[in-house]
């Protein structure tokens, strides 16, 4: 039987889903990366299914028979692309399986920031009923301009959900849609700097690579409206955190909603923790109970494709021919 390494170990309920969906003719081996058990099982494994955990040269050398690395996540910044290329192993992310979850979470952060959800919760718990809603104000989503940076699977779903709130949606992406596609989605293309200057909310949905690391720095934050909100549900290093801290502290922009940070978990004394205009969640946008099934469905389908001699889907751009 062809061996699939499943890593890292997940709760039993998740592993049960994976085992129930494992196709006939495949053996699912559940291990933790970097352990003796992992290296023992990797020697004859043909497929890797799981989350990226610093996949460099050592990882690929330990699994010389690998035919596919199939990630359960959209992000692949922990994969050493050059090591994968040298090993001649395709790496596929998960084909938008978490797009619904992340797009909902992006909307959640927008609402939480504009409606002061966290501070109101804390006020109620502290016995402060109906505190002032004027300082800082509470805002509506309707009529605001949302700027989406990166209009992939997730960005498109954010656009559709934003339309339900009567928001005006504009986007910037290196792959521009056709006019008909823009009309169908209800978005319009603008230049990156134009998006920063004119958006009330900027939502980031790009992969982390050399072109997007510190995409939002001091220069970009200075272009944004003083009333603007920035939302990040992609990867922490897309934003220069020092520059963001200064912009928020000096009220250069109004607020931020962050699901991701540069260092995860962050240090207990992180400067952003001291600011009242930051709403944080613990890189929790992607995993939902529903999308475990979708992730495994996509992953096993891709593994079966490769096993049948067909080309895998969703190979990351850097490794596409």
Protein backbone atom coordinates (compact mmCIF):
# COMPACT_ATOMS: atom_id res chain seq x y z
CA UNK A 1 0.00 0.00 0.00
CA UNK A 2 1.19 3.50 -0.76
CA UNK A 3 2.11 5.35 2.43
CA UNK A 4 0.77 8.83 3.24
CA UNK A 5 2.48 10.71 6.06
CA UNK A 6 -0.09 12.80 7.93
CA UNK A 7 1.51 15.47 10.11
CA UNK A 8 1.47 17.05 12.58
CA UNK A 9 -0.76 15.00 14.85
CA UNK A 10 -4.27 16.40 15.25
CA UNK A 11 -7.09 15.75 17.74
CA UNK A 12 -8.62 12.29 17.50
CA UNK A 13 -11.83 13.62 15.96
CA UNK A 14 -9.86 15.18 13.08
CA UNK A 15 -7.77 12.05 12.58
CA UNK A 16 -10.98 10.02 12.47
CA UNK A 17 -12.22 12.18 9.58
CA UNK A 18 -8.93 11.68 7.75
CA UNK A 19 -8.97 7.93 8.23
CA UNK A 20 -12.60 7.67 7.12
CA UNK A 21 -11.72 9.50 3.88
CA UNK A 22 -8.42 7.74 3.11
CA UNK A 23 -8.85 6.08 -0.30
CA UNK A 24 -8.44 2.30 -0.70
CA UNK A 25 -4.88 1.27 -1.42
CA UNK A 26 -3.34 3.96 0.80
CA UNK A 27 -2.05 3.75 4.36
CA UNK A 28 -2.31 6.86 6.55
CA UNK A 29 0.55 7.20 9.04
CA UNK A 30 0.02 9.88 11.69
CA UNK A 31 3.28 11.36 13.01
CA UNK A 32 4.77 14.58 14.34
CA UNK A 33 7.46 16.28 12.21
CA UNK A 34 11.03 16.09 13.42
CA UNK A 35 10.52 13.05 15.64
CA UNK A 36 12.37 9.72 15.28
CA UNK A 37 9.05 8.16 14.29
CA UNK A 38 8.67 10.71 11.50
CA UNK A 39 12.10 10.02 10.03
CA UNK A 40 11.54 6.26 10.28
CA UNK A 41 8.21 6.40 8.43
CA UNK A 42 9.42 9.01 5.91
CA UNK A 43 11.99 6.70 4.31
CA UNK A 44 9.38 4.94 2.17
CA UNK A 45 6.52 7.47 2.24
CA UNK A 46 5.24 8.53 -1.17
CA UNK A 47 2.94 11.36 -0.07
CA UNK A 48 2.84 14.00 2.64
CA UNK A 49 -0.53 15.34 3.78
CA UNK A 50 -0.67 18.00 6.46
CA UNK A 51 0.53 21.39 7.54
CA UNK A 52 3.85 22.96 6.64
CA UNK A 53 6.41 22.79 9.44
CA UNK A 54 9.76 24.18 8.21
CA UNK A 55 10.06 21.94 5.17
CA UNK A 56 13.66 22.35 4.05
CA UNK A 57 16.42 20.19 2.70
CA UNK A 58 16.43 17.85 5.69
CA UNK A 59 12.72 17.17 5.24
CA UNK A 60 13.06 16.28 1.56
CA UNK A 61 16.22 14.23 2.09
CA UNK A 62 14.44 12.19 4.76
CA UNK A 63 11.68 11.23 2.32
CA UNK A 64 13.44 10.27 -0.94
CA UNK A 65 10.37 8.57 -2.43
CA UNK A 66 8.01 11.53 -2.06
CA UNK A 67 5.79 12.18 -5.09
CA UNK A 68 3.71 15.01 -3.63
CA UNK A 69 3.60 17.35 -0.66
CA UNK A 70 -0.09 18.11 -0.20
CA UNK A 71 -0.73 20.91 2.28
CA UNK A 72 -3.98 21.29 4.17
CA UNK A 73 -3.54 25.06 4.29
CA UNK A 74 -3.44 27.85 1.75
CA UNK A 75 -0.16 29.25 3.07
CA UNK A 76 3.15 27.66 2.15
CA UNK A 77 5.71 30.15 3.46
CA UNK A 78 7.34 27.49 5.66
CA UNK A 79 8.19 25.38 2.63
CA UNK A 80 11.70 25.82 1.24
CA UNK A 81 10.74 26.14 -2.42
CA UNK A 82 14.31 25.68 -3.65
CA UNK A 83 14.67 22.48 -1.62
CA UNK A 84 11.41 21.19 -3.10
CA UNK A 85 12.58 22.10 -6.60
CA UNK A 86 15.91 20.34 -6.05
CA UNK A 87 14.09 17.23 -4.78
CA UNK A 88 11.72 17.45 -7.78
CA UNK A 89 8.70 17.14 -5.50
CA UNK A 90 5.57 19.18 -6.35
CA UNK A 91 4.04 21.10 -3.46
CA UNK A 92 0.30 21.80 -3.59
CA UNK A 93 -1.72 23.99 -1.29
CA UNK A 94 -5.34 23.31 -0.58
CA UNK A 95 -7.30 24.76 -3.46
CA UNK A 96 -9.36 27.23 -1.47
CA UNK A 97 -10.74 24.74 1.07
CA UNK A 98 -10.47 27.39 3.81
CA UNK A 99 -11.63 30.31 1.65
CA UNK A 100 -15.11 30.48 3.17
CA UNK A 101 -13.75 30.36 6.72
CA UNK A 102 -11.10 33.04 6.15
CA UNK A 103 -13.44 35.34 4.24
CA UNK A 104 -16.00 35.10 7.05
CA UNK A 105 -13.28 35.84 9.58
CA UNK A 106 -12.14 38.90 7.63
CA UNK A 107 -15.71 40.24 7.76
CA UNK A 108 -15.84 39.33 11.46
CA UNK A 109 -12.75 41.43 12.16
CA UNK A 110 -14.15 44.36 10.18
CA UNK A 111 -17.36 44.25 12.22
CA UNK A 112 -15.52 43.73 15.51
CA UNK A 113 -13.35 46.79 14.89
CA UNK A 114 -16.10 49.09 13.62
CA UNK A 115 -18.58 48.00 16.32
CA UNK A 116 -16.01 47.99 19.18
CA UNK A 117 -17.00 44.43 20.01
CA UNK A 118 -14.13 43.60 22.35
CA UNK A 119 -14.22 46.82 24.34
CA UNK A 120 -18.01 46.61 24.74
CA UNK A 121 -17.70 43.02 25.96
CA UNK A 122 -15.08 44.09 28.47
CA UNK A 123 -17.25 47.01 29.57
CA UNK A 124 -20.25 44.76 30.23
CA UNK A 125 -18.16 42.26 32.19
CA UNK A 126 -16.73 45.16 34.22
CA UNK A 127 -20.22 46.44 35.08
CA UNK A 128 -20.22 49.38 32.65
CA UNK A 129 -23.57 49.32 30.91
CA UNK A 130 -24.13 51.47 27.80
CA UNK A 131 -20.87 53.46 27.90
CA UNK A 132 -20.37 56.29 25.42
CA UNK A 133 -20.54 55.20 21.79
CA UNK A 134 -19.06 58.49 20.60
CA UNK A 135 -15.46 58.20 21.78
CA UNK A 136 -14.30 56.37 19.82
CA UNK A 137 -17.35 56.23 17.55
CA UNK A 138 -19.15 53.11 16.43
CA UNK A 139 -19.45 52.82 12.65
CA UNK A 140 -21.52 51.04 10.00
CA UNK A 141 -20.15 48.90 7.18
CA UNK A 142 -22.73 50.16 4.69
CA UNK A 143 -21.44 52.70 2.21
CA UNK A 144 -17.78 52.19 3.12
CA UNK A 145 -15.13 51.43 0.53
CA UNK A 146 -13.37 48.11 0.99
CA UNK A 147 -10.00 47.68 -0.67
CA UNK A 148 -9.00 44.04 -1.17
CA UNK A 149 -5.31 43.38 -1.77
CA UNK A 150 -5.11 39.99 -3.48
CA UNK A 151 -8.24 38.79 -5.27
CA UNK A 152 -7.73 35.04 -5.17
CA UNK A 153 -10.10 32.41 -3.78
CA UNK A 154 -10.38 34.16 -0.44
CA UNK A 155 -10.39 37.72 -1.76
CA UNK A 156 -13.26 36.96 -4.13
CA UNK A 157 -15.34 35.51 -1.29
CA UNK A 158 -14.63 38.56 0.85
CA UNK A 159 -15.89 40.72 -2.03
CA UNK A 160 -19.14 38.76 -2.27
CA UNK A 161 -19.77 38.98 1.46
CA UNK A 162 -18.92 42.68 1.56
CA UNK A 163 -21.54 43.30 -1.12
CA UNK A 164 -24.19 42.01 1.30
CA UNK A 165 -23.24 44.91 3.59
CA UNK A 166 -23.68 47.42 0.74
CA UNK A 167 -19.98 48.20 0.63
CA UNK A 168 -18.17 49.54 -2.40
CA UNK A 169 -15.44 47.05 -3.28
CA UNK A 170 -12.21 47.78 -5.11
CA UNK A 171 -9.18 45.56 -5.47
CA UNK A 172 -5.56 45.34 -6.47
CA UNK A 173 -3.99 42.14 -7.75
CA UNK A 174 -1.12 41.36 -10.10
CA UNK A 175 -3.60 39.15 -12.01
CA UNK A 176 -6.30 41.56 -13.10
CA UNK A 177 -9.82 40.30 -13.88
CA UNK A 178 -11.52 40.98 -17.18
CA UNK A 179 -14.16 43.70 -17.23
CA UNK A 180 -16.93 41.10 -17.43
CA UNK A 181 -15.49 39.26 -14.42
CA UNK A 182 -15.27 42.50 -12.46
CA UNK A 183 -18.89 43.31 -13.32
CA UNK A 184 -20.04 39.85 -12.24
CA UNK A 185 -18.23 40.13 -8.91
CA UNK A 186 -19.13 43.78 -8.35
CA UNK A 187 -15.54 45.00 -7.97
CA UNK A 188 -13.29 47.43 -9.77
CA UNK A 189 -9.54 47.41 -10.24
CA UNK A 190 -7.42 50.26 -8.83
CA UNK A 191 -3.70 50.76 -8.51
CA UNK A 192 -2.16 49.69 -5.20
CA UNK A 193 -1.38 53.22 -4.03
CA UNK A 194 -4.84 54.35 -5.13
CA UNK A 195 -6.40 51.56 -3.09
CA UNK A 196 -4.47 52.62 0.01
CA UNK A 197 -5.43 56.29 -0.37
CA UNK A 198 -9.14 55.76 -1.02
CA UNK A 199 -10.22 52.70 1.00
CA UNK A 200 -11.98 52.93 4.35
CA UNK A 201 -10.98 49.33 5.08
CA UNK A 202 -7.96 47.54 3.58
CA UNK A 203 -8.11 43.73 3.75
CA UNK A 204 -4.99 41.71 2.91
CA UNK A 205 -5.23 38.37 1.08
CA UNK A 206 -1.84 37.66 -0.48
CA UNK A 207 0.63 34.78 -0.06
CA UNK A 208 3.85 35.49 1.80
CA UNK A 209 6.86 35.64 -0.49
CA UNK A 210 9.72 38.01 -1.26
CA UNK A 211 7.37 40.41 -3.06
CA UNK A 212 4.81 40.64 -0.25
CA UNK A 213 7.01 40.62 2.85
CA UNK A 214 6.54 44.06 4.49
CA UNK A 215 4.13 44.95 1.70
CA UNK A 216 2.52 47.32 4.19
CA UNK A 217 5.17 49.49 5.82
CA UNK A 218 5.51 53.06 7.03
CA UNK A 219 5.22 54.51 3.51
CA UNK A 220 2.04 52.59 2.73
CA UNK A 221 0.43 53.31 6.10
CA UNK A 222 1.12 57.02 5.58
CA UNK A 223 -0.95 56.89 2.39
CA UNK A 224 -4.05 55.58 4.17
CA UNK A 225 -6.88 57.67 5.57
CA UNK A 226 -6.71 58.62 9.22
CA UNK A 227 -10.07 56.89 9.60
CA UNK A 228 -8.92 53.73 7.81
CA UNK A 229 -8.90 50.21 9.23
CA UNK A 230 -6.47 47.49 8.14
CA UNK A 231 -7.39 43.80 8.32
CA UNK A 232 -4.85 40.98 8.00
CA UNK A 233 -5.92 37.33 7.76
CA UNK A 234 -3.11 36.13 5.46
CA UNK A 235 0.39 36.17 6.99
CA UNK A 236 1.88 38.39 9.69
CA UNK A 237 5.09 39.45 7.89
CA UNK A 238 3.01 41.06 5.11
CA UNK A 239 2.81 44.00 7.54
CA UNK A 240 5.80 45.72 9.13
CA UNK A 241 4.63 45.45 12.75
CA UNK A 242 6.87 48.24 14.04
CA UNK A 243 5.47 50.62 11.46
CA UNK A 244 1.92 49.45 12.21
CA UNK A 245 2.42 50.02 15.94
CA UNK A 246 3.61 53.58 15.33
CA UNK A 247 0.78 54.33 12.89
CA UNK A 248 -1.83 53.05 15.35
CA UNK A 249 -0.26 54.72 18.39
CA UNK A 250 -0.02 58.06 16.59
CA UNK A 251 -3.56 57.64 15.19
CA UNK A 252 -2.16 57.83 11.69
CA UNK A 253 -4.78 55.17 10.92
CA UNK A 254 -7.80 54.36 13.06
CA UNK A 255 -7.53 50.66 13.86
CA UNK A 256 -6.39 47.17 12.90
CA UNK A 257 -7.90 43.69 13.03
CA UNK A 258 -5.21 41.00 12.94
CA UNK A 259 -5.51 37.22 12.84
CA UNK A 260 -1.81 36.75 12.12
CA UNK A 261 1.44 38.17 13.48
CA UNK A 262 5.11 38.10 12.56
CA UNK A 263 6.01 35.87 15.50
CA UNK A 264 3.45 33.23 16.44
CA UNK A 265 2.72 32.97 19.25
CA UNK A 266 3.77 36.55 19.97
CA UNK A 267 5.78 37.49 23.04
CA UNK A 268 3.62 38.34 26.10
CA UNK A 269 4.85 41.95 26.10
CA UNK A 270 4.25 42.62 22.40
CA UNK A 271 3.82 46.39 21.83
CA UNK A 272 0.57 45.93 19.91
CA UNK A 273 -1.02 44.48 23.07
CA UNK A 274 -0.84 47.92 24.69
CA UNK A 275 -3.03 49.63 22.08
CA UNK A 276 -6.82 49.95 22.41
CA UNK A 277 -7.36 50.18 18.65
CA UNK A 278 -6.16 46.65 17.83
CA UNK A 279 -8.38 43.56 17.72
CA UNK A 280 -6.52 40.23 17.70
CA UNK A 281 -7.37 36.60 17.05
CA UNK A 282 -4.89 33.67 17.26
CA UNK A 283 -4.40 32.67 13.59
CA UNK A 284 -7.80 31.02 13.86
CA UNK A 285 -9.43 32.18 10.62
CA UNK A 286 -8.72 29.06 8.56
CA UNK A 287 -9.57 25.97 10.60
CA UNK A 288 -13.29 25.28 11.00
CA UNK A 289 -15.04 22.01 11.67
CA UNK A 290 -16.62 22.10 8.21
CA UNK A 291 -13.48 22.66 6.24
CA UNK A 292 -11.53 19.73 7.68
CA UNK A 293 -13.66 17.58 5.40
CA UNK A 294 -13.11 19.91 2.45
CA UNK A 295 -9.36 19.95 3.06
CA UNK A 296 -9.12 16.17 3.22
CA UNK A 297 -11.33 15.80 0.16
CA UNK A 298 -9.06 18.06 -1.88
CA UNK A 299 -5.91 16.48 -0.48
CA UNK A 300 -6.86 12.87 -1.12
CA UNK A 301 -8.19 13.74 -4.57
CA UNK A 302 -4.83 15.27 -5.47
CA UNK A 303 -2.93 12.29 -4.08
CA UNK A 304 -5.07 9.94 -6.18
CA UNK A 305 -4.39 12.09 -9.24
CA UNK A 306 -0.64 11.72 -8.78
CA UNK A 307 -0.93 8.01 -8.01
CA UNK A 308 -2.81 7.57 -11.30
CA UNK A 309 -0.04 9.36 -13.22
CA UNK A 310 -1.91 12.63 -13.69
CA UNK A 311 -0.61 16.10 -12.88
CA UNK A 312 -1.53 17.44 -9.42
CA UNK A 313 -3.79 20.43 -8.97
CA UNK A 314 -3.03 23.56 -6.96
CA UNK A 315 0.77 23.35 -7.30
CA UNK A 316 2.21 26.53 -5.78
CA UNK A 317 3.13 29.16 -8.40
CA UNK A 318 6.88 28.96 -7.79
CA UNK A 319 6.93 25.27 -8.77
CA UNK A 320 4.60 25.38 -11.73
CA UNK A 321 6.21 24.59 -15.12
